[in-house]
C-alpha cells in the first residue's frame, strides 16, 4: 500500500465511522474510498486492526457494509469471508492474527488513531497511538489535517475531541 496523505485520511474516517457505527456514513465513505482507488483488500485488511479499539462486533457488522458494496458478481466474497473468519477467531480466542508485516504499518496505525478518536474516554490510548504515528513519520501538520477530515466525513464532535487530544499531546512533547 502506497498512499498519499489524503488517501490515508480515508482510513481514519472509516475507522471512526466503524467505531461509532454510523452505517449510512460508513457505506458512503467506503464507496468513495473504492471509487478513489482504495481496494477492497485494503479495507478488509484494516478492519481487524481497528477492531482492537472499535470492538470486534462492530467490525463484523461493518463487513455487511462491504458486502453490500461488492459488485454483482460477488468477486470479493472470499476476501470478505476471510476477514469475517479472522474477526470471529479474534472474538473467540481474544487474539488477532497479526503477522510481523502488519505491525507498524502506517495505514493500520493511522486507522487505529481514527478509531480511538471516536471513543469517548480513550485519552491515554490516543496519546500512545499519537506517539506511534509520530515515530512512523507523521508530522503535527499532517495529523492536524486529520481533524479537518474527521469534521468533513464523520462529525464535528469527534473532530473537536481529536483536536483537543492533538493539542494536549503536542503541548506535552513541545
N, C-alpha and C. Protein backbone atom coordinates (compact mmCIF):
# COMPACT_ATOMS: atom_id res chain seq x y z
N UNK A 1 0.84 -1.17 0.00
CA UNK A 1 0.00 0.00 0.00
C UNK A 1 0.88 1.23 0.00
N UNK A 2 0.72 2.03 -0.99
CA UNK A 2 1.47 3.27 -1.09
C UNK A 2 0.49 4.40 -1.33
N UNK A 3 0.16 5.14 -0.28
CA UNK A 3 -0.87 6.15 -0.37
C UNK A 3 -0.32 7.51 -0.01
N UNK A 4 -0.96 8.56 -0.54
CA UNK A 4 -0.63 9.91 -0.09
C UNK A 4 -1.47 10.21 1.15
N UNK A 5 -1.26 11.39 1.74
CA UNK A 5 -1.95 11.73 2.99
C UNK A 5 -3.46 11.69 2.85
N UNK A 6 -3.98 12.22 1.74
CA UNK A 6 -5.42 12.25 1.54
C UNK A 6 -5.99 10.84 1.53
N UNK A 7 -5.30 9.92 0.86
CA UNK A 7 -5.76 8.53 0.84
C UNK A 7 -5.75 7.94 2.24
N UNK A 8 -4.71 8.24 3.01
CA UNK A 8 -4.60 7.70 4.36
C UNK A 8 -5.71 8.22 5.26
N UNK A 9 -6.11 9.47 5.05
CA UNK A 9 -7.15 10.06 5.88
C UNK A 9 -8.49 9.34 5.69
N UNK A 10 -8.68 8.75 4.53
CA UNK A 10 -9.89 7.97 4.27
C UNK A 10 -10.00 6.84 5.29
N UNK A 11 -8.88 6.20 5.60
CA UNK A 11 -8.88 5.11 6.56
C UNK A 11 -9.22 5.61 7.96
N UNK A 12 -8.80 6.82 8.29
CA UNK A 12 -9.10 7.40 9.60
C UNK A 12 -10.60 7.62 9.73
N UNK A 13 -11.20 8.21 8.70
CA UNK A 13 -12.64 8.46 8.73
C UNK A 13 -13.42 7.15 8.80
N UNK A 14 -13.02 6.17 8.02
CA UNK A 14 -13.70 4.87 8.03
C UNK A 14 -13.58 4.22 9.41
N UNK A 15 -12.40 4.29 10.01
CA UNK A 15 -12.20 3.71 11.34
C UNK A 15 -13.10 4.38 12.37
N UNK A 16 -13.20 5.70 12.31
CA UNK A 16 -14.07 6.42 13.25
C UNK A 16 -15.53 6.04 13.03
N UNK A 17 -15.93 5.91 11.77
CA UNK A 17 -17.32 5.55 11.47
C UNK A 17 -17.65 4.12 11.89
N UNK A 18 -16.68 3.22 11.79
CA UNK A 18 -16.88 1.85 12.29
C UNK A 18 -17.10 1.91 13.80
N UNK A 19 -16.28 2.70 14.48
CA UNK A 19 -16.34 2.79 15.94
C UNK A 19 -17.66 3.36 16.43
N UNK A 20 -18.16 4.42 15.77
CA UNK A 20 -19.44 4.99 16.19
C UNK A 20 -20.61 4.26 15.55
N UNK A 21 -20.31 3.37 14.64
CA UNK A 21 -21.26 2.51 13.93
C UNK A 21 -22.37 3.32 13.25
N UNK A 22 -21.94 4.23 12.40
CA UNK A 22 -22.87 5.01 11.58
C UNK A 22 -22.88 4.37 10.20
N UNK A 23 -23.78 3.41 10.00
CA UNK A 23 -23.78 2.61 8.76
C UNK A 23 -23.98 3.44 7.49
N UNK A 24 -24.91 4.40 7.45
CA UNK A 24 -25.08 5.16 6.21
C UNK A 24 -23.82 5.95 5.83
N UNK A 25 -23.22 6.63 6.80
CA UNK A 25 -21.99 7.38 6.51
C UNK A 25 -20.83 6.44 6.20
N UNK A 26 -20.78 5.30 6.89
CA UNK A 26 -19.73 4.32 6.63
C UNK A 26 -19.83 3.79 5.21
N UNK A 27 -21.04 3.48 4.79
CA UNK A 27 -21.24 2.97 3.44
C UNK A 27 -20.79 4.00 2.40
N UNK A 28 -21.16 5.25 2.64
CA UNK A 28 -20.77 6.32 1.72
C UNK A 28 -19.25 6.49 1.69
N UNK A 29 -18.61 6.47 2.87
CA UNK A 29 -17.16 6.64 2.93
C UNK A 29 -16.44 5.48 2.25
N UNK A 30 -16.93 4.27 2.46
CA UNK A 30 -16.31 3.09 1.81
C UNK A 30 -16.49 3.16 0.30
N UNK A 31 -17.67 3.58 -0.15
CA UNK A 31 -17.90 3.68 -1.59
C UNK A 31 -16.98 4.72 -2.22
N UNK A 32 -16.84 5.87 -1.54
CA UNK A 32 -15.91 6.91 -2.04
C UNK A 32 -14.49 6.38 -2.08
N UNK A 33 -14.09 5.65 -1.03
CA UNK A 33 -12.73 5.08 -0.99
C UNK A 33 -12.51 4.13 -2.16
N UNK A 34 -13.48 3.26 -2.41
CA UNK A 34 -13.36 2.32 -3.53
C UNK A 34 -13.31 3.07 -4.86
N UNK A 35 -14.13 4.10 -5.00
CA UNK A 35 -14.13 4.91 -6.23
C UNK A 35 -12.80 5.64 -6.43
N UNK A 36 -12.15 5.98 -5.30
CA UNK A 36 -10.88 6.71 -5.37
C UNK A 36 -9.67 5.79 -5.49
N UNK A 37 -9.90 4.49 -5.63
CA UNK A 37 -8.79 3.58 -5.87
C UNK A 37 -8.33 2.74 -4.70
N UNK A 38 -8.95 2.91 -3.53
CA UNK A 38 -8.63 2.04 -2.41
C UNK A 38 -9.25 0.68 -2.72
N UNK A 39 -8.50 -0.37 -2.48
CA UNK A 39 -9.01 -1.70 -2.84
C UNK A 39 -9.85 -2.29 -1.71
N UNK A 40 -10.71 -3.21 -2.08
CA UNK A 40 -11.50 -3.95 -1.09
C UNK A 40 -10.56 -4.70 -0.15
N UNK A 41 -9.43 -5.18 -0.67
CA UNK A 41 -8.42 -5.87 0.14
C UNK A 41 -7.93 -4.95 1.25
N UNK A 42 -7.62 -3.69 0.91
CA UNK A 42 -7.12 -2.75 1.91
C UNK A 42 -8.17 -2.46 2.97
N UNK A 43 -9.41 -2.30 2.55
CA UNK A 43 -10.48 -2.06 3.52
C UNK A 43 -10.65 -3.26 4.45
N UNK A 44 -10.65 -4.45 3.88
CA UNK A 44 -10.80 -5.67 4.70
C UNK A 44 -9.60 -5.86 5.63
N UNK A 45 -8.40 -5.57 5.16
CA UNK A 45 -7.21 -5.74 5.99
C UNK A 45 -7.19 -4.77 7.16
N UNK A 46 -7.83 -3.63 7.02
CA UNK A 46 -7.83 -2.62 8.07
C UNK A 46 -8.78 -2.98 9.21
N UNK A 47 -9.86 -3.65 8.91
CA UNK A 47 -10.88 -3.95 9.93
C UNK A 47 -10.35 -4.70 11.15
N UNK A 48 -9.54 -5.76 11.00
CA UNK A 48 -9.05 -6.43 12.21
C UNK A 48 -8.21 -5.50 13.10
N UNK A 49 -7.48 -4.59 12.51
CA UNK A 49 -6.64 -3.69 13.30
C UNK A 49 -7.47 -2.70 14.09
N UNK A 50 -8.47 -2.13 13.46
CA UNK A 50 -9.27 -1.14 14.19
C UNK A 50 -10.23 -1.81 15.16
N UNK A 51 -10.49 -3.10 14.97
CA UNK A 51 -11.40 -3.80 15.88
C UNK A 51 -10.84 -3.87 17.29
N UNK A 52 -9.54 -3.70 17.43
CA UNK A 52 -8.92 -3.66 18.75
C UNK A 52 -9.57 -2.55 19.58
N UNK A 53 -9.90 -1.43 18.94
CA UNK A 53 -10.48 -0.28 19.64
C UNK A 53 -11.98 -0.14 19.41
N UNK A 54 -12.42 -0.43 18.20
CA UNK A 54 -13.85 -0.26 17.89
C UNK A 54 -14.68 -1.42 18.41
N UNK A 55 -14.04 -2.56 18.59
CA UNK A 55 -14.74 -3.76 19.03
C UNK A 55 -14.97 -4.69 17.85
N UNK A 56 -14.74 -5.96 18.09
CA UNK A 56 -14.90 -6.96 17.03
C UNK A 56 -16.34 -7.00 16.52
N UNK A 57 -17.36 -6.94 17.39
CA UNK A 57 -18.72 -6.97 16.85
C UNK A 57 -19.01 -5.84 15.86
N UNK A 58 -18.53 -4.63 16.15
CA UNK A 58 -18.75 -3.52 15.21
C UNK A 58 -17.98 -3.74 13.91
N UNK A 59 -16.79 -4.28 14.01
CA UNK A 59 -16.02 -4.57 12.79
C UNK A 59 -16.72 -5.63 11.96
N UNK A 60 -17.29 -6.63 12.63
CA UNK A 60 -18.04 -7.67 11.92
C UNK A 60 -19.26 -7.07 11.23
N UNK A 61 -19.97 -6.21 11.93
CA UNK A 61 -21.14 -5.57 11.32
C UNK A 61 -20.73 -4.69 10.14
N UNK A 62 -19.55 -4.12 10.21
CA UNK A 62 -19.06 -3.28 9.11
C UNK A 62 -18.79 -4.10 7.86
N UNK A 63 -18.50 -5.37 8.04
CA UNK A 63 -18.32 -6.24 6.87
C UNK A 63 -19.60 -6.33 6.06
N UNK A 64 -20.74 -6.18 6.72
CA UNK A 64 -22.02 -6.17 5.99
C UNK A 64 -22.07 -5.00 5.02
N UNK A 65 -21.51 -3.87 5.43
CA UNK A 65 -21.44 -2.71 4.54
C UNK A 65 -20.58 -3.04 3.33
N UNK A 66 -19.42 -3.67 3.58
CA UNK A 66 -18.55 -4.03 2.46
C UNK A 66 -19.21 -5.05 1.54
N UNK A 67 -19.95 -5.99 2.12
CA UNK A 67 -20.67 -6.96 1.30
C UNK A 67 -21.67 -6.26 0.39
N UNK A 68 -22.34 -5.25 0.92
CA UNK A 68 -23.34 -4.54 0.12
C UNK A 68 -22.70 -3.74 -1.01
N UNK A 69 -21.43 -3.40 -0.87
CA UNK A 69 -20.72 -2.65 -1.91
C UNK A 69 -20.04 -3.55 -2.93
N UNK A 70 -19.97 -4.84 -2.62
CA UNK A 70 -19.34 -5.78 -3.54
C UNK A 70 -20.12 -5.78 -4.85
N UNK A 71 -19.41 -5.95 -5.93
CA UNK A 71 -20.08 -5.91 -7.23
C UNK A 71 -21.07 -7.07 -7.38
N UNK A 72 -21.88 -7.02 -8.40
CA UNK A 72 -22.95 -8.01 -8.59
C UNK A 72 -22.42 -9.42 -8.74
N UNK A 73 -21.20 -9.58 -9.20
CA UNK A 73 -20.62 -10.92 -9.36
C UNK A 73 -20.12 -11.48 -8.03
N UNK A 74 -20.03 -10.63 -7.03
CA UNK A 74 -19.53 -11.09 -5.73
C UNK A 74 -18.06 -11.45 -5.77
N UNK A 75 -17.28 -10.69 -6.52
CA UNK A 75 -15.87 -11.03 -6.72
C UNK A 75 -15.03 -10.93 -5.45
N UNK A 76 -15.53 -10.24 -4.45
CA UNK A 76 -14.77 -10.10 -3.21
C UNK A 76 -15.33 -10.97 -2.09
N UNK A 77 -16.23 -11.87 -2.41
CA UNK A 77 -16.87 -12.70 -1.40
C UNK A 77 -15.86 -13.48 -0.56
N UNK A 78 -14.88 -14.10 -1.20
CA UNK A 78 -13.89 -14.89 -0.45
C UNK A 78 -13.05 -14.01 0.46
N UNK A 79 -12.67 -12.84 -0.03
CA UNK A 79 -11.89 -11.89 0.77
C UNK A 79 -12.68 -11.45 2.00
N UNK A 80 -13.93 -11.13 1.80
CA UNK A 80 -14.78 -10.69 2.91
C UNK A 80 -14.99 -11.84 3.90
N UNK A 81 -15.19 -13.04 3.40
CA UNK A 81 -15.36 -14.21 4.28
C UNK A 81 -14.09 -14.48 5.09
N UNK A 82 -12.91 -14.30 4.46
CA UNK A 82 -11.64 -14.50 5.18
C UNK A 82 -11.53 -13.50 6.33
N UNK A 83 -11.86 -12.24 6.06
CA UNK A 83 -11.80 -11.21 7.10
C UNK A 83 -12.80 -11.51 8.20
N UNK A 84 -13.99 -11.95 7.81
CA UNK A 84 -15.01 -12.31 8.78
C UNK A 84 -14.52 -13.44 9.68
N UNK A 85 -13.86 -14.42 9.10
CA UNK A 85 -13.32 -15.54 9.89
C UNK A 85 -12.23 -15.07 10.84
N UNK A 86 -11.37 -14.15 10.38
CA UNK A 86 -10.33 -13.59 11.26
C UNK A 86 -10.97 -12.91 12.47
N UNK A 87 -12.00 -12.12 12.21
CA UNK A 87 -12.65 -11.39 13.29
C UNK A 87 -13.38 -12.34 14.25
N UNK A 88 -14.01 -13.36 13.71
CA UNK A 88 -14.70 -14.33 14.58
C UNK A 88 -13.70 -15.11 15.42
N UNK A 89 -12.54 -15.42 14.84
CA UNK A 89 -11.48 -16.09 15.60
C UNK A 89 -11.00 -15.17 16.72
N UNK A 90 -10.84 -13.90 16.41
CA UNK A 90 -10.41 -12.94 17.43
C UNK A 90 -11.43 -12.84 18.55
N UNK A 91 -12.70 -12.88 18.19
CA UNK A 91 -13.76 -12.81 19.19
C UNK A 91 -13.74 -14.05 20.09
N UNK A 92 -13.48 -15.20 19.49
CA UNK A 92 -13.46 -16.46 20.23
C UNK A 92 -12.22 -16.59 21.10
N UNK A 93 -11.06 -16.30 20.53
CA UNK A 93 -9.80 -16.54 21.24
C UNK A 93 -9.17 -15.29 21.83
N UNK A 94 -9.74 -14.14 21.56
CA UNK A 94 -9.21 -12.90 22.10
C UNK A 94 -7.87 -12.51 21.53
N UNK A 95 -7.57 -12.95 20.32
CA UNK A 95 -6.28 -12.63 19.71
C UNK A 95 -6.46 -12.46 18.21
N UNK A 96 -5.90 -11.39 17.69
CA UNK A 96 -5.97 -11.16 16.24
C UNK A 96 -4.73 -11.73 15.57
N UNK A 97 -4.89 -12.26 14.37
CA UNK A 97 -3.78 -12.91 13.67
C UNK A 97 -2.89 -11.91 12.93
N UNK A 98 -2.12 -11.10 13.65
CA UNK A 98 -1.26 -10.12 13.01
C UNK A 98 0.10 -10.71 12.72
N UNK A 99 0.51 -10.64 11.49
CA UNK A 99 1.85 -11.03 11.12
C UNK A 99 2.80 -9.87 11.34
N UNK A 100 4.08 -10.14 11.33
CA UNK A 100 5.08 -9.10 11.56
C UNK A 100 4.99 -7.99 10.52
N UNK A 101 4.59 -8.35 9.29
CA UNK A 101 4.48 -7.34 8.22
C UNK A 101 3.32 -6.38 8.46
N UNK A 102 2.42 -6.73 9.37
CA UNK A 102 1.28 -5.86 9.64
C UNK A 102 1.50 -4.98 10.87
N UNK A 103 2.60 -5.13 11.54
CA UNK A 103 2.89 -4.29 12.69
C UNK A 103 3.59 -3.03 12.21
N UNK A 104 3.29 -1.94 12.84
CA UNK A 104 3.85 -0.63 12.49
C UNK A 104 3.56 -0.24 11.04
N UNK A 105 2.43 -0.68 10.53
CA UNK A 105 2.00 -0.31 9.19
C UNK A 105 1.35 1.06 9.28
N UNK A 106 1.79 1.99 8.44
CA UNK A 106 1.30 3.37 8.52
C UNK A 106 -0.22 3.47 8.38
N UNK A 107 -0.79 2.72 7.47
CA UNK A 107 -2.24 2.77 7.27
C UNK A 107 -2.97 2.25 8.50
N UNK A 108 -2.55 1.10 9.01
CA UNK A 108 -3.24 0.49 10.14
C UNK A 108 -3.10 1.35 11.40
N UNK A 109 -1.92 1.93 11.61
CA UNK A 109 -1.72 2.76 12.80
C UNK A 109 -2.56 4.03 12.73
N UNK A 110 -2.64 4.62 11.55
CA UNK A 110 -3.46 5.82 11.39
C UNK A 110 -4.94 5.48 11.53
N UNK A 111 -5.36 4.36 10.99
CA UNK A 111 -6.75 3.92 11.13
C UNK A 111 -7.08 3.68 12.60
N UNK A 112 -6.15 3.08 13.33
CA UNK A 112 -6.36 2.86 14.77
C UNK A 112 -6.54 4.18 15.50
N UNK A 113 -5.80 5.19 15.08
CA UNK A 113 -5.94 6.52 15.67
C UNK A 113 -7.36 7.05 15.42
N UNK A 114 -7.87 6.85 14.22
CA UNK A 114 -9.24 7.27 13.92
C UNK A 114 -10.26 6.58 14.79
N UNK A 115 -10.07 5.29 15.02
CA UNK A 115 -10.99 4.54 15.89
C UNK A 115 -10.92 5.08 17.32
N UNK A 116 -9.73 5.38 17.79
CA UNK A 116 -9.57 5.91 19.15
C UNK A 116 -10.17 7.29 19.30
N UNK A 117 -10.02 8.14 18.29
CA UNK A 117 -10.62 9.47 18.35
C UNK A 117 -12.14 9.37 18.52
N UNK A 118 -12.75 8.33 18.00
CA UNK A 118 -14.20 8.18 18.06
C UNK A 118 -14.69 7.68 19.42
N UNK A 119 -13.78 7.19 20.25
CA UNK A 119 -14.16 6.70 21.58
C UNK A 119 -14.24 7.86 22.56
N UNK A 120 -15.19 7.77 23.50
CA UNK A 120 -15.41 8.86 24.45
C UNK A 120 -14.24 9.11 25.39
N UNK A 121 -13.75 8.08 26.05
CA UNK A 121 -12.74 8.29 27.08
C UNK A 121 -11.54 7.39 26.82
N UNK A 122 -10.73 7.78 25.85
CA UNK A 122 -9.57 6.97 25.50
C UNK A 122 -8.31 7.82 25.39
N UNK A 123 -8.23 8.88 26.18
CA UNK A 123 -7.13 9.84 26.01
C UNK A 123 -5.75 9.21 26.21
N UNK A 124 -5.61 8.28 27.15
CA UNK A 124 -4.28 7.67 27.34
C UNK A 124 -3.93 6.78 26.14
N UNK A 125 -4.93 6.06 25.60
CA UNK A 125 -4.68 5.25 24.41
C UNK A 125 -4.39 6.13 23.20
N UNK A 126 -5.10 7.25 23.09
CA UNK A 126 -4.86 8.19 21.99
C UNK A 126 -3.44 8.72 22.07
N UNK A 127 -3.00 9.06 23.28
CA UNK A 127 -1.65 9.59 23.46
C UNK A 127 -0.60 8.59 22.99
N UNK A 128 -0.77 7.33 23.37
CA UNK A 128 0.18 6.29 22.93
C UNK A 128 0.13 6.10 21.42
N UNK A 129 -1.06 6.14 20.85
CA UNK A 129 -1.19 5.95 19.41
C UNK A 129 -0.60 7.14 18.65
N UNK A 130 -0.76 8.33 19.19
CA UNK A 130 -0.14 9.51 18.58
C UNK A 130 1.38 9.38 18.57
N UNK A 131 1.95 8.87 19.67
CA UNK A 131 3.40 8.65 19.71
C UNK A 131 3.83 7.70 18.60
N UNK A 132 3.06 6.61 18.41
CA UNK A 132 3.38 5.65 17.35
C UNK A 132 3.33 6.31 15.98
N UNK A 133 2.30 7.12 15.76
CA UNK A 133 2.15 7.79 14.45
C UNK A 133 3.30 8.76 14.19
N UNK A 134 3.73 9.47 15.22
CA UNK A 134 4.87 10.40 15.07
C UNK A 134 6.13 9.60 14.78
N UNK A 135 6.33 8.49 15.48
CA UNK A 135 7.50 7.64 15.22
C UNK A 135 7.49 7.08 13.79
N UNK A 136 6.31 6.88 13.24
CA UNK A 136 6.19 6.37 11.87
C UNK A 136 6.34 7.48 10.83
N UNK A 137 6.55 8.72 11.30
CA UNK A 137 6.86 9.80 10.37
C UNK A 137 5.78 10.83 10.12
N UNK A 138 4.66 10.75 10.82
CA UNK A 138 3.61 11.74 10.63
C UNK A 138 3.97 13.02 11.37
N UNK A 139 3.81 14.15 10.71
CA UNK A 139 4.10 15.44 11.33
C UNK A 139 2.85 15.97 12.03
N UNK A 140 3.07 16.98 12.85
CA UNK A 140 1.93 17.63 13.52
C UNK A 140 0.95 18.17 12.48
N UNK A 141 1.47 18.77 11.43
CA UNK A 141 0.62 19.35 10.38
C UNK A 141 -0.22 18.27 9.70
N UNK A 142 0.39 17.12 9.43
CA UNK A 142 -0.36 16.03 8.81
C UNK A 142 -1.47 15.54 9.74
N UNK A 143 -1.15 15.42 11.01
CA UNK A 143 -2.14 14.94 11.97
C UNK A 143 -3.25 15.97 12.17
N UNK A 144 -2.91 17.26 12.08
CA UNK A 144 -3.94 18.29 12.19
C UNK A 144 -4.89 18.27 10.99
N UNK A 145 -4.40 17.84 9.84
CA UNK A 145 -5.27 17.70 8.68
C UNK A 145 -6.33 16.61 8.91
N UNK A 146 -6.01 15.67 9.77
CA UNK A 146 -6.98 14.62 10.11
C UNK A 146 -8.23 15.21 10.76
N UNK A 147 -8.03 16.25 11.55
CA UNK A 147 -9.16 16.89 12.23
C UNK A 147 -10.15 17.41 11.19
N UNK A 148 -9.63 18.01 10.14
CA UNK A 148 -10.49 18.52 9.06
C UNK A 148 -11.24 17.37 8.40
N UNK A 149 -10.53 16.29 8.15
CA UNK A 149 -11.15 15.12 7.51
C UNK A 149 -12.23 14.52 8.41
N UNK A 150 -11.97 14.43 9.69
CA UNK A 150 -12.97 13.91 10.62
C UNK A 150 -14.20 14.82 10.68
N UNK A 151 -13.98 16.12 10.64
CA UNK A 151 -15.11 17.06 10.65
C UNK A 151 -15.93 16.93 9.37
N UNK A 152 -15.26 16.74 8.25
CA UNK A 152 -15.96 16.63 6.96
C UNK A 152 -16.72 15.31 6.82
N UNK A 153 -16.10 14.22 7.25
CA UNK A 153 -16.66 12.91 6.94
C UNK A 153 -17.30 12.17 8.11
N UNK A 154 -17.02 12.61 9.33
CA UNK A 154 -17.56 11.88 10.48
C UNK A 154 -18.47 12.78 11.30
N UNK A 155 -17.89 13.62 12.15
CA UNK A 155 -18.70 14.56 12.93
C UNK A 155 -17.81 15.64 13.53
N UNK A 156 -18.41 16.80 13.77
CA UNK A 156 -17.65 17.89 14.38
C UNK A 156 -17.28 17.56 15.82
N UNK A 157 -18.12 16.80 16.50
CA UNK A 157 -17.84 16.40 17.88
C UNK A 157 -16.57 15.56 17.96
N UNK A 158 -16.45 14.57 17.09
CA UNK A 158 -15.25 13.72 17.08
C UNK A 158 -14.04 14.52 16.63
N UNK A 159 -14.23 15.43 15.69
CA UNK A 159 -13.13 16.28 15.23
C UNK A 159 -12.62 17.16 16.37
N UNK A 160 -13.53 17.71 17.17
CA UNK A 160 -13.11 18.55 18.30
C UNK A 160 -12.35 17.72 19.34
N UNK A 161 -12.82 16.51 19.58
CA UNK A 161 -12.12 15.62 20.51
C UNK A 161 -10.72 15.33 19.99
N UNK A 162 -10.61 15.07 18.70
CA UNK A 162 -9.31 14.80 18.09
C UNK A 162 -8.40 16.02 18.22
N UNK A 163 -8.95 17.20 17.96
CA UNK A 163 -8.16 18.44 18.04
C UNK A 163 -7.64 18.64 19.47
N UNK A 164 -8.49 18.43 20.45
CA UNK A 164 -8.07 18.57 21.85
C UNK A 164 -6.96 17.58 22.20
N UNK A 165 -7.12 16.34 21.75
CA UNK A 165 -6.09 15.33 22.00
C UNK A 165 -4.77 15.68 21.33
N UNK A 166 -4.83 16.18 20.11
CA UNK A 166 -3.61 16.59 19.41
C UNK A 166 -2.92 17.73 20.13
N UNK A 167 -3.70 18.75 20.52
CA UNK A 167 -3.12 19.91 21.22
C UNK A 167 -2.47 19.49 22.53
N UNK A 168 -3.16 18.62 23.27
CA UNK A 168 -2.62 18.14 24.54
C UNK A 168 -1.33 17.34 24.32
N UNK A 169 -1.34 16.48 23.31
CA UNK A 169 -0.17 15.66 23.03
C UNK A 169 1.04 16.52 22.65
N UNK A 170 0.84 17.46 21.74
CA UNK A 170 1.97 18.26 21.28
C UNK A 170 2.39 19.31 22.31
N UNK A 171 1.51 19.68 23.23
CA UNK A 171 1.90 20.57 24.33
C UNK A 171 2.86 19.84 25.27
N UNK A 172 2.63 18.52 25.44
CA UNK A 172 3.50 17.72 26.31
C UNK A 172 4.88 17.52 25.70
N UNK A 173 4.91 17.24 24.39
CA UNK A 173 6.19 16.92 23.76
C UNK A 173 6.93 18.15 23.27
N UNK A 174 6.25 19.29 23.28
CA UNK A 174 6.90 20.55 22.92
C UNK A 174 6.99 20.80 21.51
